[in-house]
C-alpha atoms as a PDB file:
ATOM      1  CA  MET A   1      34.696  -8.373  90.231  1.00  0.00           C
ATOM      2  CA  THR A   2      37.301  -6.575  92.282  1.00  0.00           C
ATOM      3  CA  ASP A   3      36.691  -3.222  93.990  1.00  0.00           C
ATOM      4  CA  ARG A   4      40.284  -2.061  93.377  1.00  0.00           C
ATOM      5  CA  PRO A   5      42.555  -1.901  90.338  1.00  0.00           C
ATOM      6  CA  PHE A   6      44.487  -5.082  89.613  1.00  0.00           C
ATOM      7  CA  ARG A   7      47.997  -4.797  91.070  1.00  0.00           C
ATOM      8  CA  ILE A   8      50.879  -5.990  88.923  1.00  0.00           C
ATOM      9  CA  LEU A   9      54.461  -6.318  90.186  1.00  0.00           C
ATOM     10  CA  ALA A  10      57.177  -6.089  87.573  1.00  0.00           C
ATOM     11  CA  VAL A  11      60.568  -7.400  88.675  1.00  0.00           C
ATOM     12  CA  ASN A  12      63.577  -6.180  86.713  1.00  0.00           C
ATOM     13  CA  SER A  13      66.072  -9.015  87.010  1.00  0.00           C
ATOM     14  CA  ASN A  14      69.059  -6.753  86.345  1.00  0.00           C
ATOM     15  CA  THR A  15      70.250  -3.941  88.599  1.00  0.00           C
ATOM     16  CA  ASP A  16      69.691  -1.018  86.194  1.00  0.00           C
ATOM     17  CA  GLU A  17      67.031   1.267  87.695  1.00  0.00           C
ATOM     18  CA  ARG A  18      66.582   3.019  84.331  1.00  0.00           C
ATOM     19  CA  VAL A  19      65.303  -0.224  82.834  1.00  0.00           C
ATOM     20  CA  THR A  20      62.939  -0.684  85.755  1.00  0.00           C
ATOM     21  CA  GLY A  21      61.422   2.723  85.032  1.00  0.00           C
ATOM     22  CA  ARG A  22      61.084   1.973  81.324  1.00  0.00           C
ATOM     23  CA  VAL A  23      59.366  -1.341  82.036  1.00  0.00           C
ATOM     24  CA  THR A  24      56.969   0.120  84.538  1.00  0.00           C
ATOM     25  CA  ARG A  25      55.943   2.908  82.190  1.00  0.00           C
ATOM     26  CA  ALA A  26      55.455   0.509  79.289  1.00  0.00           C
ATOM     27  CA  ILE A  27      53.233  -1.777  81.319  1.00  0.00           C
ATOM     28  CA  GLY A  28      51.250   1.182  82.601  1.00  0.00           C
ATOM     29  CA  ASP A  29      50.671   2.400  79.063  1.00  0.00           C
ATOM     30  CA  VAL A  30      49.353  -1.006  77.996  1.00  0.00           C
ATOM     31  CA  LEU A  31      47.263  -1.573  81.152  1.00  0.00           C
ATOM     32  CA  PRO A  32      46.084   1.927  82.137  1.00  0.00           C
ATOM     33  CA  GLY A  33      43.479   0.552  84.548  1.00  0.00           C
ATOM     34  CA  CYS A  34      46.021  -1.427  86.614  1.00  0.00           C
ATOM     35  CA  HIS A  35      48.298  -0.382  89.423  1.00  0.00           C
ATOM     36  CA  VAL A  36      51.827  -1.226  88.231  1.00  0.00           C
ATOM     37  CA  GLU A  37      54.785  -1.337  90.588  1.00  0.00           C
ATOM     38  CA  GLY A  38      58.318  -1.922  89.349  1.00  0.00           C
ATOM     39  CA  ILE A  39      61.169  -3.200  91.483  1.00  0.00           C
ATOM     40  CA  THR A  40      64.828  -3.847  90.742  1.00  0.00           C
ATOM     41  CA  ALA A  41      66.905  -6.913  91.640  1.00  0.00           C
ATOM     42  CA  GLY A  42      68.908  -6.272  94.772  1.00  0.00           C
ATOM     43  CA  PHE A  43      72.082  -7.893  93.474  1.00  0.00           C
ATOM     44  CA  GLY A  44      73.595  -9.274  90.284  1.00  0.00           C
ATOM     45  CA  PRO A  45      74.595  -7.951  86.883  1.00  0.00           C
ATOM     46  CA  ARG A  46      73.609  -4.559  85.488  1.00  0.00           C
ATOM     47  CA  GLY A  47      72.934  -6.237  82.167  1.00  0.00           C
ATOM     48  CA  ILE A  48      72.218  -9.962  81.650  1.00  0.00           C
ATOM     49  CA  GLY A  49      74.235 -11.749  78.965  1.00  0.00           C
ATOM     50  CA  GLY A  50      75.430 -15.330  79.439  1.00  0.00           C
ATOM     51  CA  ARG A  51      74.572 -18.245  81.614  1.00  0.00           C
ATOM     52  CA  ALA A  52      76.410 -17.119  84.741  1.00  0.00           C
ATOM     53  CA  ASP A  53      74.526 -13.810  84.708  1.00  0.00           C
ATOM     54  CA  LEU A  54      71.295 -15.719  84.253  1.00  0.00           C
ATOM     55  CA  THR A  55      71.874 -18.007  87.210  1.00  0.00           C
ATOM     56  CA  ILE A  56      72.755 -15.117  89.520  1.00  0.00           C
ATOM     57  CA  SER A  57      69.763 -13.126  88.300  1.00  0.00           C
ATOM     58  CA  ALA A  58      67.376 -16.071  88.850  1.00  0.00           C
ATOM     59  CA  MET A  59      68.070 -16.020  92.578  1.00  0.00           C
ATOM     60  CA  ALA A  60      67.936 -12.216  92.714  1.00  0.00           C
ATOM     61  CA  THR A  61      64.537 -12.288  90.943  1.00  0.00           C
ATOM     62  CA  LEU A  62      63.144 -14.994  93.185  1.00  0.00           C
ATOM     63  CA  SER A  63      64.227 -13.197  96.285  1.00  0.00           C
ATOM     64  CA  ALA A  64      62.992  -9.795  95.178  1.00  0.00           C
ATOM     65  CA  ALA A  65      59.575 -11.045  94.085  1.00  0.00           C
ATOM     66  CA  VAL A  66      58.894 -13.269  97.055  1.00  0.00           C
ATOM     67  CA  ASP A  67      60.112 -10.840  99.724  1.00  0.00           C
ATOM     68  CA  HIS A  68      58.476  -7.697  98.298  1.00  0.00           C
ATOM     69  CA  PRO A  69      55.721  -6.525 100.653  1.00  0.00           C
ATOM     70  CA  GLY A  70      52.171  -6.002  99.496  1.00  0.00           C
ATOM     71  CA  GLU A  71      49.487  -7.897  97.774  1.00  0.00           C
ATOM     72  CA  HIS A  72      49.640  -8.371  93.997  1.00  0.00           C
ATOM     73  CA  ASP A  73      47.435 -10.113  91.420  1.00  0.00           C
ATOM     74  CA  ALA A  74      50.238 -11.073  89.030  1.00  0.00           C
ATOM     75  CA  ILE A  75      54.040 -10.828  88.661  1.00  0.00           C
ATOM     76  CA  ILE A  76      55.978 -10.072  85.500  1.00  0.00           C
ATOM     77  CA  VAL A  77      59.585 -11.174  85.249  1.00  0.00           C
ATOM     78  CA  ALA A  78      60.995  -8.338  83.242  1.00  0.00           C
ATOM     79  CA  CYS A  79      64.016  -9.968  81.673  1.00  0.00           C
ATOM     80  CA  PHE A  80      63.982 -11.684  78.261  1.00  0.00           C
ATOM     81  CA  SER A  81      65.772 -14.743  79.618  1.00  0.00           C
ATOM     82  CA  ASP A  82      62.982 -15.209  82.204  1.00  0.00           C
ATOM     83  CA  PRO A  83      65.332 -15.874  85.190  1.00  0.00           C
ATOM     84  CA  GLY A  84      63.520 -17.453  88.112  1.00  0.00           C
ATOM     85  CA  LEU A  85      60.247 -17.716  86.243  1.00  0.00           C
ATOM     86  CA  HIS A  86      59.563 -21.400  86.888  1.00  0.00           C
ATOM     87  CA  ALA A  87      60.693 -21.230  90.493  1.00  0.00           C
ATOM     88  CA  LEU A  88      58.299 -18.389  91.114  1.00  0.00           C
ATOM     89  CA  ARG A  89      55.456 -20.373  89.637  1.00  0.00           C
ATOM     90  CA  GLU A  90      56.262 -23.169  92.073  1.00  0.00           C
ATOM     91  CA  VAL A  91      56.165 -21.027  95.228  1.00  0.00           C
ATOM     92  CA  LEU A  92      53.542 -18.350  94.535  1.00  0.00           C
ATOM     93  CA  ASP A  93      49.769 -18.642  94.177  1.00  0.00           C
ATOM     94  CA  ILE A  94      49.362 -15.842  91.601  1.00  0.00           C
ATOM     95  CA  PRO A  95      50.109 -15.827  87.871  1.00  0.00           C
ATOM     96  CA  VAL A  96      53.769 -15.262  86.993  1.00  0.00           C
ATOM     97  CA  VAL A  97      54.556 -14.246  83.426  1.00  0.00           C
ATOM     98  CA  GLY A  98      58.007 -14.001  81.784  1.00  0.00           C
ATOM     99  CA  ILE A  99      58.543 -11.510  79.015  1.00  0.00           C
ATOM    100  CA  GLY A 100      60.458 -14.025  76.951  1.00  0.00           C
ATOM    101  CA  GLU A 101      57.914 -16.815  77.051  1.00  0.00           C
ATOM    102  CA  ALA A 102      54.999 -14.362  76.703  1.00  0.00           C
ATOM    103  CA  SER A 103      56.460 -12.852  73.553  1.00  0.00           C
ATOM    104  CA  PHE A 104      57.066 -16.256  71.919  1.00  0.00           C
ATOM    105  CA  LEU A 105      53.451 -17.294  72.600  1.00  0.00           C
ATOM    106  CA  THR A 106      52.207 -14.022  71.207  1.00  0.00           C
ATOM    107  CA  ALA A 107      54.356 -14.124  68.088  1.00  0.00           C
ATOM    108  CA  VAL A 108      53.094 -17.441  66.836  1.00  0.00           C
ATOM    109  CA  GLN A 109      49.529 -16.037  66.851  1.00  0.00           C
ATOM    110  CA  LEU A 110      50.631 -13.309  64.391  1.00  0.00           C
ATOM    111  CA  GLY A 111      52.680 -15.208  61.794  1.00  0.00           C
ATOM    112  CA  ALA A 112      54.096 -18.580  60.820  1.00  0.00           C
ATOM    113  CA  ARG A 113      57.749 -17.820  61.574  1.00  0.00           C
ATOM    114  CA  PHE A 114      59.102 -15.502  64.222  1.00  0.00           C
ATOM    115  CA  CYS A 115      62.499 -14.085  65.033  1.00  0.00           C
ATOM    116  CA  VAL A 116      64.042 -12.236  67.972  1.00  0.00           C
ATOM    117  CA  VAL A 117      65.838  -8.948  67.429  1.00  0.00           C
ATOM    118  CA  THR A 118      68.188  -8.183  70.320  1.00  0.00           C
ATOM    119  CA  VAL A 119      71.767  -7.272  71.266  1.00  0.00           C
ATOM    120  CA  GLY A 120      74.680  -9.451  72.463  1.00  0.00           C
ATOM    121  CA  PRO A 121      75.726 -12.676  70.748  1.00  0.00           C
ATOM    122  CA  ARG A 122      76.107 -14.518  74.076  1.00  0.00           C
ATOM    123  CA  VAL A 123      72.348 -14.554  74.530  1.00  0.00           C
ATOM    124  CA  VAL A 124      71.729 -16.398  71.252  1.00  0.00           C
ATOM    125  CA  PRO A 125      72.019 -19.997  72.655  1.00  0.00           C
ATOM    126  CA  VAL A 126      69.993 -18.954  75.723  1.00  0.00           C
ATOM    127  CA  ILE A 127      67.163 -17.698  73.550  1.00  0.00           C
ATOM    128  CA  GLU A 128      67.338 -20.791  71.305  1.00  0.00           C
ATOM    129  CA  GLU A 129      67.040 -23.050  74.324  1.00  0.00           C
ATOM    130  CA  ALA A 130      64.149 -21.007  75.713  1.00  0.00           C
ATOM    131  CA  VAL A 131      62.224 -21.310  72.419  1.00  0.00           C
ATOM    132  CA  GLN A 132      62.926 -25.052  72.403  1.00  0.00           C
ATOM    133  CA  ALA A 133      61.641 -25.366  75.964  1.00  0.00           C
ATOM    134  CA  THR A 134      58.452 -23.565  74.981  1.00  0.00           C
ATOM    135  CA  GLY A 135      57.880 -26.089  72.200  1.00  0.00           C
ATOM    136  CA  LEU A 136      57.989 -23.568  69.405  1.00  0.00           C
ATOM    137  CA  ALA A 137      61.264 -24.370  67.699  1.00  0.00           C
ATOM    138  CA  SER A 138      59.561 -25.295  64.411  1.00  0.00           C
ATOM    139  CA  ARG A 139      58.138 -21.735  64.206  1.00  0.00           C
ATOM    140  CA  PHE A 140      61.420 -19.997  65.086  1.00  0.00           C
ATOM    141  CA  CYS A 141      63.758 -18.588  62.442  1.00  0.00           C
ATOM    142  CA  GLY A 142      66.527 -17.318  64.668  1.00  0.00           C
ATOM    143  CA  VAL A 143      68.064 -14.366  66.469  1.00  0.00           C
ATOM    144  CA  GLU A 144      69.041 -11.195  64.643  1.00  0.00           C
ATOM    145  CA  ILE A 145      71.738  -9.368  66.584  1.00  0.00           C
ATOM    146  CA  VAL A 146      71.862  -5.588  66.352  1.00  0.00           C
ATOM    147  CA  ASP A 147      74.697  -3.277  67.434  1.00  0.00           C
ATOM    148  CA  THR A 148      74.928  -2.751  71.236  1.00  0.00           C
ATOM    149  CA  ALA A 149      74.705   0.960  70.486  1.00  0.00           C
ATOM    150  CA  ALA A 150      70.938   0.347  70.491  1.00  0.00           C
ATOM    151  CA  LEU A 151      71.059   0.186  74.272  1.00  0.00           C
ATOM    152  CA  GLN A 152      72.522   3.694  74.589  1.00  0.00           C
ATOM    153  CA  ALA A 153      71.305   5.461  71.485  1.00  0.00           C
ATOM    154  CA  PRO A 154      68.984   8.452  72.025  1.00  0.00           C
ATOM    155  CA  ASP A 155      66.689   6.770  69.467  1.00  0.00           C
ATOM    156  CA  PRO A 156      67.270   3.043  68.995  1.00  0.00           C
ATOM    157  CA  VAL A 157      64.401   2.602  66.564  1.00  0.00           C
ATOM    158  CA  PRO A 158      66.486   2.871  63.362  1.00  0.00           C
ATOM    159  CA  LEU A 159      68.904   0.163  64.589  1.00  0.00           C
ATOM    160  CA  LEU A 160      66.064  -2.113  65.666  1.00  0.00           C
ATOM    161  CA  LEU A 161      64.235  -1.578  62.323  1.00  0.00           C
ATOM    162  CA  GLU A 162      67.471  -2.460  60.490  1.00  0.00           C
ATOM    163  CA  GLY A 163      67.539  -5.761  62.403  1.00  0.00           C
ATOM    164  CA  VAL A 164      63.951  -6.465  61.608  1.00  0.00           C
ATOM    165  CA  GLU A 165      64.450  -5.853  57.879  1.00  0.00           C
ATOM    166  CA  LYS A 166      67.537  -8.088  57.845  1.00  0.00           C
ATOM    167  CA  ALA A 167      65.487 -10.847  59.485  1.00  0.00           C
ATOM    168  CA  VAL A 168      62.771 -10.474  56.872  1.00  0.00           C
ATOM    169  CA  ARG A 169      65.249 -10.668  53.988  1.00  0.00           C
ATOM    170  CA  GLY A 170      67.604 -13.284  55.336  1.00  0.00           C
ATOM    171  CA  ARG A 171      65.440 -15.491  57.582  1.00  0.00           C
ATOM    172  CA  GLY A 172      61.972 -15.188  56.146  1.00  0.00           C
ATOM    173  CA  ALA A 173      60.646 -13.781  59.432  1.00  0.00           C
ATOM    174  CA  GLU A 174      56.950 -13.000  59.515  1.00  0.00           C
ATOM    175  CA  VAL A 175      56.925 -11.597  63.042  1.00  0.00           C
ATOM    176  CA  ALA A 176      59.720  -9.939  65.023  1.00  0.00           C
ATOM    177  CA  ILE A 177      60.103  -9.769  68.798  1.00  0.00           C
ATOM    178  CA  LEU A 178      62.068  -6.982  70.399  1.00  0.00           C
ATOM    179  CA  GLY A 179      64.016  -9.113  72.842  1.00  0.00           C
ATOM    180  CA  GLY A 180      64.707  -7.345  76.060  1.00  0.00           C
ATOM    181  CA  ALA A 181      63.311  -5.193  78.840  1.00  0.00           C
ATOM    182  CA  ALA A 182      65.574  -2.335  77.631  1.00  0.00           C
ATOM    183  CA  PHE A 183      63.352  -2.033  74.554  1.00  0.00           C
ATOM    184  CA  ALA A 184      60.105  -1.640  76.481  1.00  0.00           C
ATOM    185  CA  GLY A 185      57.788   0.851  74.922  1.00  0.00           C
ATOM    186  CA  LEU A 186      59.409   0.865  71.466  1.00  0.00           C
ATOM    187  CA  ALA A 187      57.398  -1.787  69.638  1.00  0.00           C
ATOM    188  CA  ALA A 188      54.705   0.583  68.320  1.00  0.00           C
ATOM    189  CA  ARG A 189      57.255   2.945  66.879  1.00  0.00           C
ATOM    190  CA  VAL A 190      59.232   0.152  65.201  1.00  0.00           C
ATOM    191  CA  GLY A 191      55.965  -1.363  63.962  1.00  0.00           C
ATOM    192  CA  GLU A 192      54.948   1.863  62.209  1.00  0.00           C
ATOM    193  CA  ARG A 193      57.848   1.359  59.792  1.00  0.00           C
ATOM    194  CA  SER A 194      58.118  -2.399  59.769  1.00  0.00           C
ATOM    195  CA  PRO A 195      56.825  -4.699  56.992  1.00  0.00           C
ATOM    196  CA  ILE A 196      55.905  -7.349  59.628  1.00  0.00           C
ATOM    197  CA  PRO A 197      54.221  -7.305  63.050  1.00  0.00           C
ATOM    198  CA  ILE A 198      56.440  -6.266  65.943  1.00  0.00           C
ATOM    199  CA  VAL A 199      55.942  -7.764  69.398  1.00  0.00           C
ATOM    200  CA  GLY A 200      57.247  -5.864  72.415  1.00  0.00           C
ATOM    201  CA  SER A 201      58.189  -8.459  74.944  1.00  0.00           C
ATOM    202  CA  VAL A 202      57.241  -6.394  77.981  1.00  0.00           C
ATOM    203  CA  GLU A 203      53.922  -5.399  76.405  1.00  0.00           C
ATOM    204  CA  ALA A 204      53.094  -8.985  75.549  1.00  0.00           C
ATOM    205  CA  ALA A 205      53.753 -10.048  79.107  1.00  0.00           C
ATOM    206  CA  ALA A 206      51.533  -7.269  80.422  1.00  0.00           C
ATOM    207  CA  VAL A 207      48.607  -8.340  78.274  1.00  0.00           C
ATOM    208  CA  GLN A 208      49.051 -11.993  79.200  1.00  0.00           C
ATOM    209  CA  ALA A 209      49.307 -11.169  82.908  1.00  0.00           C
ATOM    210  CA  LEU A 210      45.961  -9.380  82.775  1.00  0.00           C
ATOM    211  CA  ALA A 211      44.393 -12.232  80.840  1.00  0.00           C
ATOM    212  CA  LEU A 212      45.528 -14.759  83.449  1.00  0.00           C
ATOM    213  CA  ILE A 213      44.199 -12.605  86.254  1.00  0.00           C
ATOM    214  CA  HIS A 214      40.781 -12.583  84.582  1.00  0.00           C
ATOM    215  CA  LEU A 215      40.903 -16.249  83.741  1.00  0.00           C
ATOM    216  CA  LYS A 216      41.124 -17.268  87.436  1.00  0.00           C
ATOM    217  CA  ALA A 217      42.401 -20.734  86.514  1.00  0.00           C
ATOM    218  CA  GLY A 218      44.058 -21.319  89.829  1.00  0.00           C
ATOM    219  CA  ARG A 219      47.426 -22.908  90.598  1.00  0.00           C
ATOM    220  CA  PRO A 220      48.481 -26.553  90.184  1.00  0.00           C
ATOM    221  CA  LYS A 221      48.187 -28.730  93.291  1.00  0.00           C
ATOM    222  CA  VAL A 222      50.031 -31.636  91.589  1.00  0.00           C
ATOM    223  CA  GLY A 223      52.760 -31.843  89.025  1.00  0.00           C
ATOM    224  CA  SER A 224      55.960 -29.863  88.454  1.00  0.00           C
ATOM    225  CA  TYR A 225      54.473 -26.498  89.444  1.00  0.00           C
ATOM    226  CA  ALA A 226      52.884 -27.766  92.636  1.00  0.00           C
ATOM    227  CA  ARG A 227      54.393 -26.092  95.693  1.00  0.00           C
ATOM    228  CA  PRO A 228      57.556 -27.985  96.733  1.00  0.00           C
ATOM    229  CA  ALA A 229      57.647 -29.748 100.060  1.00  0.00           C
ATOM    230  CA  VAL A 230      59.490 -27.862 102.777  1.00  0.00           C
ATOM    231  CA  LYS A 231      62.881 -29.138 103.786  1.00  0.00           C
ATOM    232  CA  PRO A 232      65.853 -28.084 105.939  1.00  0.00           C
ATOM    233  CA  MET A 233      67.517 -25.073 104.387  1.00  0.00           C
ATOM    234  CA  THR A 234      70.671 -23.074 105.160  1.00  0.00           C
ATOM    235  CA  GLY A 235      70.961 -19.344 104.801  1.00  0.00           C
ATOM    236  CA  LEU A 236      67.401 -18.529 103.699  1.00  0.00           C
ATOM    237  CA  THR A 237      65.580 -15.656 105.392  1.00  0.00           C
ATOM    238  CA  GLY A 238      62.326 -13.815 105.084  1.00  0.00           C
ATOM    239  CA  ARG A 239      59.262 -15.041 103.241  1.00  0.00           C
ATOM    240  CA  LEU A 240      61.331 -17.400 101.045  1.00  0.00           C
ATOM    241  CA  ALA A 241      62.434 -19.280 104.143  1.00  0.00           C
ATOM    242  CA  ARG A 242      58.820 -19.431 105.416  1.00  0.00           C
ATOM    243  CA  LEU A 243      57.646 -20.879 102.089  1.00  0.00           C
ATOM    244  CA  LEU A 244      60.413 -23.439 101.552  1.00  0.00           C
ATOM    245  CA  ALA A 245      62.234 -24.249 104.768  1.00  0.00           C
ATOM    246  CA  SER A 246      61.136 -26.565 107.526  1.00  0.00           C
ATOM    247  CA  GLU A 247      64.073 -25.195 109.475  1.00  0.00           C
ATOM    248  CA  ALA A 248      66.676 -22.620 108.528  1.00  0.00           C
ATOM    249  CA  SER A 249      70.155 -22.017 109.776  1.00  0.00           C
END
């Protein structure tokens, strides 16, 4: 048992502070007994779409998470594309959960076929590849794109619900994931009017982070997530350099 609340760090991989606040509040609502801190990537896109955005955001996420001061029990990568997730698992000793992967794993426990409801057609192949990498392609029935107005609407629930209903009719979806940190905190409201279960990606990651803290399974000492050997590096500073670089210039 711990004598303090579990501390969870949520890293918003884009540079929109409003999303960081939304994510932090949503995690706090799901895990009221935990101390939740949200931070924002120090550089990169304000909203993550295609592969170039994802590559830039991966480095921003890695840097922000590793160099952030303080002791934490788990980290949540609060971007649906999970930028930097696997790199963080290599270099850190605590559980690291991505909201994309966490939502896929949650969805298959609630129905036979799941879909993702999100905005922006450029993210479709990125999501498809992420599902494939998770090994769940046979349970996946596709991405339902809703109007980008959902990101700015005073109440995006009707647009999200419309996407869910289209996925039920056209794809045979049995579970829908709200794909994106921008939709944190909305799953319960969409679910009240939805014919199928709704998974909030941020909320799913929060629950899995707490489960992994309690599980105390430890970190791999061998294999692909074992800490990489240090080597000469150029341009790294701070804790990242101390973890990865035998010498830095």
